[in-house]
Amino acid sequence: MIPSASNQGKHTNGAYVFRLYLASGAPNSVRALANLYAICRKHFPNSHRIELIDVLKEPLRALAEAILVTPTLVKISPEPELQIIGNLSDEEEVLRALGLPQRETP
């Protein structure tokens, strides 16, 4: 079951704001949601917001925002707005693709 969207995607108090478009119950969408939560808890524990958009429940919104594939993650803020498609399983690649701070390698 997909939790309802709890935030409206506004950048507040320096938080990272993400919007995840998914198809409820689809294996890649379930994986993407779990992976996004894990990445946010690890890298931005007190400074992130996640808005979930189920394209099966809101197809017109997805279409209006040019989302044609799920799962799609959009980083709303900090700018620039960027997106990545897939189940977000490669943490370092997700961070790099979205222009987010990465863990330093010794």
N, C-alpha and C. Protein backbone atom coordinates (compact mmCIF):
# COMPACT_ATOMS: atom_id res chain seq x y z
N MET A 1 0.84 -1.18 0.00
CA MET A 1 0.00 0.00 0.00
C MET A 1 0.88 1.24 0.00
N ILE A 2 0.49 2.24 -0.77
CA ILE A 2 1.25 3.48 -0.90
C ILE A 2 0.70 4.50 0.08
N PRO A 3 1.59 5.10 0.93
CA PRO A 3 1.13 6.15 1.82
C PRO A 3 0.66 7.35 1.01
N SER A 4 -0.24 8.12 1.57
CA SER A 4 -0.72 9.31 0.86
C SER A 4 0.35 10.38 0.87
N ALA A 5 0.30 11.26 -0.12
CA ALA A 5 1.26 12.35 -0.20
C ALA A 5 1.04 13.28 0.99
N SER A 6 2.10 13.54 1.70
CA SER A 6 1.95 14.32 2.92
C SER A 6 2.45 15.75 2.77
N ASN A 7 3.22 16.01 1.73
CA ASN A 7 3.77 17.35 1.56
C ASN A 7 3.49 17.82 0.15
N GLN A 8 3.43 19.11 -0.03
CA GLN A 8 3.05 19.65 -1.32
C GLN A 8 4.23 20.10 -2.16
N GLY A 9 5.45 19.70 -1.82
CA GLY A 9 6.58 20.00 -2.68
C GLY A 9 7.15 21.39 -2.53
N LYS A 10 6.93 22.04 -1.42
CA LYS A 10 7.48 23.37 -1.22
C LYS A 10 8.79 23.26 -0.48
N HIS A 11 9.74 24.10 -0.88
CA HIS A 11 11.05 24.12 -0.24
C HIS A 11 10.95 24.96 1.03
N THR A 12 11.06 24.30 2.17
CA THR A 12 10.96 25.02 3.44
C THR A 12 12.14 24.67 4.33
N ASN A 13 12.66 25.67 5.00
CA ASN A 13 13.73 25.48 5.98
C ASN A 13 14.93 24.72 5.43
N GLY A 14 15.29 24.93 4.17
CA GLY A 14 16.47 24.29 3.60
C GLY A 14 16.30 22.81 3.34
N ALA A 15 15.08 22.31 3.35
CA ALA A 15 14.85 20.88 3.16
C ALA A 15 14.99 20.51 1.68
N TYR A 16 15.43 19.27 1.46
CA TYR A 16 15.40 18.70 0.12
C TYR A 16 13.96 18.26 -0.13
N VAL A 17 13.43 18.63 -1.28
CA VAL A 17 12.05 18.30 -1.61
C VAL A 17 12.04 17.40 -2.84
N PHE A 18 11.40 16.24 -2.69
CA PHE A 18 11.33 15.25 -3.75
C PHE A 18 9.87 14.95 -4.07
N ARG A 19 9.62 14.65 -5.34
CA ARG A 19 8.30 14.17 -5.76
C ARG A 19 8.53 12.85 -6.49
N LEU A 20 7.88 11.80 -6.01
CA LEU A 20 8.03 10.49 -6.62
C LEU A 20 6.73 10.09 -7.30
N TYR A 21 6.81 9.89 -8.60
CA TYR A 21 5.67 9.41 -9.37
C TYR A 21 5.79 7.90 -9.45
N LEU A 22 4.74 7.21 -9.04
CA LEU A 22 4.78 5.75 -9.03
C LEU A 22 3.43 5.17 -9.39
N ALA A 23 3.45 3.87 -9.64
CA ALA A 23 2.22 3.13 -9.89
C ALA A 23 2.04 2.19 -8.71
N SER A 24 1.04 2.45 -7.89
CA SER A 24 0.89 1.71 -6.64
C SER A 24 0.89 0.20 -6.88
N GLY A 25 1.68 -0.48 -6.09
CA GLY A 25 1.75 -1.93 -6.15
C GLY A 25 2.73 -2.48 -7.17
N ALA A 26 3.18 -1.69 -8.12
CA ALA A 26 4.13 -2.17 -9.12
C ALA A 26 5.48 -2.41 -8.43
N PRO A 27 6.14 -3.53 -8.72
CA PRO A 27 7.38 -3.87 -8.02
C PRO A 27 8.45 -2.78 -8.07
N ASN A 28 8.69 -2.19 -9.23
CA ASN A 28 9.71 -1.13 -9.30
C ASN A 28 9.31 0.10 -8.52
N SER A 29 8.03 0.41 -8.48
CA SER A 29 7.57 1.56 -7.70
C SER A 29 7.75 1.32 -6.21
N VAL A 30 7.42 0.13 -5.77
CA VAL A 30 7.60 -0.22 -4.35
C VAL A 30 9.07 -0.13 -3.97
N ARG A 31 9.95 -0.66 -4.85
CA ARG A 31 11.39 -0.60 -4.60
C ARG A 31 11.88 0.85 -4.58
N ALA A 32 11.41 1.65 -5.53
CA ALA A 32 11.85 3.05 -5.60
C ALA A 32 11.46 3.79 -4.32
N LEU A 33 10.26 3.56 -3.84
CA LEU A 33 9.81 4.23 -2.61
C LEU A 33 10.68 3.82 -1.43
N ALA A 34 10.93 2.53 -1.28
CA ALA A 34 11.78 2.06 -0.18
C ALA A 34 13.20 2.62 -0.30
N ASN A 35 13.73 2.63 -1.51
CA ASN A 35 15.09 3.15 -1.71
C ASN A 35 15.16 4.65 -1.45
N LEU A 36 14.14 5.39 -1.88
CA LEU A 36 14.13 6.83 -1.62
C LEU A 36 14.07 7.12 -0.13
N TYR A 37 13.21 6.41 0.59
CA TYR A 37 13.14 6.60 2.04
C TYR A 37 14.50 6.30 2.69
N ALA A 38 15.15 5.23 2.26
CA ALA A 38 16.46 4.87 2.83
C ALA A 38 17.51 5.94 2.54
N ILE A 39 17.53 6.44 1.31
CA ILE A 39 18.50 7.49 0.94
C ILE A 39 18.25 8.74 1.77
N CYS A 40 17.00 9.14 1.90
CA CYS A 40 16.68 10.36 2.66
C CYS A 40 17.01 10.20 4.13
N ARG A 41 16.68 9.06 4.72
CA ARG A 41 17.00 8.83 6.14
C ARG A 41 18.51 8.87 6.37
N LYS A 42 19.27 8.34 5.42
CA LYS A 42 20.71 8.26 5.58
C LYS A 42 21.40 9.61 5.34
N HIS A 43 21.00 10.32 4.28
CA HIS A 43 21.73 11.51 3.87
C HIS A 43 21.09 12.83 4.32
N PHE A 44 19.77 12.84 4.52
CA PHE A 44 19.05 14.07 4.88
C PHE A 44 18.04 13.77 5.98
N PRO A 45 18.47 13.23 7.11
CA PRO A 45 17.52 12.71 8.10
C PRO A 45 16.51 13.72 8.64
N ASN A 46 16.89 14.96 8.75
CA ASN A 46 15.98 15.96 9.31
C ASN A 46 15.66 17.08 8.34
N SER A 47 15.97 16.86 7.06
CA SER A 47 15.80 17.95 6.12
C SER A 47 15.31 17.47 4.75
N HIS A 48 14.23 16.69 4.76
CA HIS A 48 13.68 16.26 3.48
C HIS A 48 12.15 16.19 3.54
N ARG A 49 11.56 16.36 2.37
CA ARG A 49 10.12 16.21 2.20
C ARG A 49 9.92 15.34 0.97
N ILE A 50 8.96 14.44 1.03
CA ILE A 50 8.65 13.57 -0.09
C ILE A 50 7.16 13.65 -0.39
N GLU A 51 6.85 13.96 -1.64
CA GLU A 51 5.47 13.96 -2.10
C GLU A 51 5.30 12.76 -3.03
N LEU A 52 4.29 11.96 -2.79
CA LEU A 52 4.02 10.79 -3.62
C LEU A 52 2.85 11.05 -4.54
N ILE A 53 3.03 10.74 -5.81
CA ILE A 53 1.98 10.88 -6.80
C ILE A 53 1.75 9.50 -7.42
N ASP A 54 0.59 8.93 -7.16
CA ASP A 54 0.24 7.65 -7.76
C ASP A 54 -0.41 7.94 -9.11
N VAL A 55 0.27 7.59 -10.19
CA VAL A 55 -0.22 7.92 -11.53
C VAL A 55 -1.48 7.14 -11.88
N LEU A 56 -1.75 6.07 -11.16
CA LEU A 56 -2.99 5.33 -11.39
C LEU A 56 -4.19 6.08 -10.82
N LYS A 57 -3.95 6.87 -9.79
CA LYS A 57 -5.01 7.67 -9.19
C LYS A 57 -5.08 9.08 -9.75
N GLU A 58 -3.95 9.59 -10.24
CA GLU A 58 -3.88 10.95 -10.77
C GLU A 58 -3.22 10.96 -12.15
N PRO A 59 -3.80 10.27 -13.13
CA PRO A 59 -3.15 10.18 -14.44
C PRO A 59 -3.05 11.52 -15.16
N LEU A 60 -4.03 12.38 -14.99
CA LEU A 60 -3.98 13.68 -15.68
C LEU A 60 -2.87 14.56 -15.15
N ARG A 61 -2.62 14.48 -13.85
CA ARG A 61 -1.52 15.26 -13.27
C ARG A 61 -0.18 14.77 -13.83
N ALA A 62 -0.01 13.47 -13.88
CA ALA A 62 1.23 12.92 -14.42
C ALA A 62 1.40 13.34 -15.88
N LEU A 63 0.36 13.27 -16.64
CA LEU A 63 0.41 13.67 -18.04
C LEU A 63 0.73 15.16 -18.17
N ALA A 64 0.09 15.98 -17.37
CA ALA A 64 0.32 17.42 -17.41
C ALA A 64 1.77 17.77 -17.06
N GLU A 65 2.38 16.94 -16.23
CA GLU A 65 3.76 17.19 -15.81
C GLU A 65 4.76 16.37 -16.63
N ALA A 66 4.26 15.82 -17.76
CA ALA A 66 5.09 15.08 -18.72
C ALA A 66 5.79 13.86 -18.11
N ILE A 67 5.12 13.19 -17.19
CA ILE A 67 5.65 11.96 -16.60
C ILE A 67 5.03 10.80 -17.37
N LEU A 68 5.86 10.08 -18.12
CA LEU A 68 5.37 9.01 -18.97
C LEU A 68 5.81 7.63 -18.49
N VAL A 69 6.77 7.61 -17.55
CA VAL A 69 7.34 6.35 -17.06
C VAL A 69 7.36 6.39 -15.55
N THR A 70 7.04 5.25 -14.93
CA THR A 70 7.17 5.15 -13.47
C THR A 70 8.14 4.02 -13.14
N PRO A 71 8.82 4.15 -12.03
CA PRO A 71 8.87 5.29 -11.14
C PRO A 71 9.77 6.40 -11.68
N THR A 72 9.36 7.64 -11.44
CA THR A 72 10.16 8.82 -11.78
C THR A 72 10.29 9.67 -10.53
N LEU A 73 11.52 10.00 -10.18
CA LEU A 73 11.79 10.87 -9.04
C LEU A 73 12.18 12.24 -9.54
N VAL A 74 11.55 13.28 -8.99
CA VAL A 74 11.89 14.66 -9.33
C VAL A 74 12.40 15.34 -8.07
N LYS A 75 13.60 15.92 -8.18
CA LYS A 75 14.12 16.75 -7.07
C LYS A 75 13.61 18.15 -7.35
N ILE A 76 12.72 18.63 -6.49
CA ILE A 76 12.12 19.94 -6.65
C ILE A 76 13.06 21.03 -6.15
N SER A 77 13.62 20.82 -4.98
CA SER A 77 14.56 21.80 -4.44
C SER A 77 15.57 21.09 -3.56
N PRO A 78 16.75 21.66 -3.44
CA PRO A 78 17.16 22.93 -4.01
C PRO A 78 17.27 22.83 -5.53
N GLU A 79 17.14 23.99 -6.16
CA GLU A 79 17.23 24.04 -7.61
C GLU A 79 18.63 23.65 -8.06
N PRO A 80 18.82 23.17 -9.26
CA PRO A 80 17.84 23.05 -10.33
C PRO A 80 16.97 21.81 -10.15
N GLU A 81 15.78 21.87 -10.72
CA GLU A 81 14.89 20.71 -10.70
C GLU A 81 15.46 19.66 -11.64
N LEU A 82 15.60 18.43 -11.13
CA LEU A 82 16.15 17.32 -11.90
C LEU A 82 15.30 16.09 -11.69
N GLN A 83 15.36 15.16 -12.65
CA GLN A 83 14.62 13.92 -12.46
C GLN A 83 15.44 12.71 -12.87
N ILE A 84 15.04 11.59 -12.29
CA ILE A 84 15.69 10.32 -12.57
C ILE A 84 14.59 9.25 -12.64
N ILE A 85 14.76 8.33 -13.57
CA ILE A 85 13.78 7.26 -13.76
C ILE A 85 14.40 5.95 -13.30
N GLY A 86 13.63 5.15 -12.59
CA GLY A 86 14.10 3.83 -12.17
C GLY A 86 13.80 3.56 -10.71
N ASN A 87 14.28 2.41 -10.23
CA ASN A 87 13.93 2.00 -8.87
C ASN A 87 14.89 2.54 -7.81
N LEU A 88 15.84 3.37 -8.21
CA LEU A 88 16.74 4.09 -7.28
C LEU A 88 17.62 3.15 -6.47
N SER A 89 17.95 1.98 -7.02
CA SER A 89 18.70 0.99 -6.26
C SER A 89 20.19 1.31 -6.14
N ASP A 90 20.75 2.08 -7.06
CA ASP A 90 22.17 2.45 -7.00
C ASP A 90 22.28 3.82 -6.33
N GLU A 91 22.47 3.80 -5.03
CA GLU A 91 22.45 5.02 -4.22
C GLU A 91 23.40 6.09 -4.72
N GLU A 92 24.65 5.73 -4.99
CA GLU A 92 25.63 6.72 -5.43
C GLU A 92 25.24 7.32 -6.78
N GLU A 93 24.71 6.50 -7.67
CA GLU A 93 24.27 7.00 -8.98
C GLU A 93 23.08 7.95 -8.84
N VAL A 94 22.16 7.63 -7.94
CA VAL A 94 21.01 8.50 -7.69
C VAL A 94 21.49 9.85 -7.18
N LEU A 95 22.37 9.85 -6.20
CA LEU A 95 22.90 11.10 -5.65
C LEU A 95 23.60 11.92 -6.73
N ARG A 96 24.41 11.27 -7.54
CA ARG A 96 25.14 11.97 -8.60
C ARG A 96 24.17 12.51 -9.66
N ALA A 97 23.21 11.71 -10.08
CA ALA A 97 22.27 12.12 -11.13
C ALA A 97 21.42 13.31 -10.69
N LEU A 98 21.12 13.39 -9.41
CA LEU A 98 20.29 14.48 -8.90
C LEU A 98 21.12 15.65 -8.39
N GLY A 99 22.44 15.57 -8.53
CA GLY A 99 23.30 16.67 -8.10
C GLY A 99 23.32 16.84 -6.60
N LEU A 100 23.16 15.75 -5.86
CA LEU A 100 23.12 15.81 -4.40
C LEU A 100 24.49 15.49 -3.81
N PRO A 101 24.73 15.95 -2.58
CA PRO A 101 26.01 15.65 -1.93
C PRO A 101 26.22 14.14 -1.81
N GLN A 102 27.44 13.72 -2.12
CA GLN A 102 27.77 12.30 -2.03
C GLN A 102 28.75 12.07 -0.91
N ARG A 103 28.75 10.84 -0.44
CA ARG A 103 29.68 10.45 0.62
C ARG A 103 31.09 10.48 0.05
N GLU A 104 31.99 11.01 0.81
CA GLU A 104 33.39 11.07 0.37
C GLU A 104 34.02 9.70 0.51
N THR A 105 34.80 9.30 -0.51
CA THR A 105 35.51 8.02 -0.44
C THR A 105 36.93 8.28 0.00
N PRO A 106 37.43 7.48 0.96
CA PRO A 106 38.79 7.70 1.49
C PRO A 106 39.84 7.36 0.49
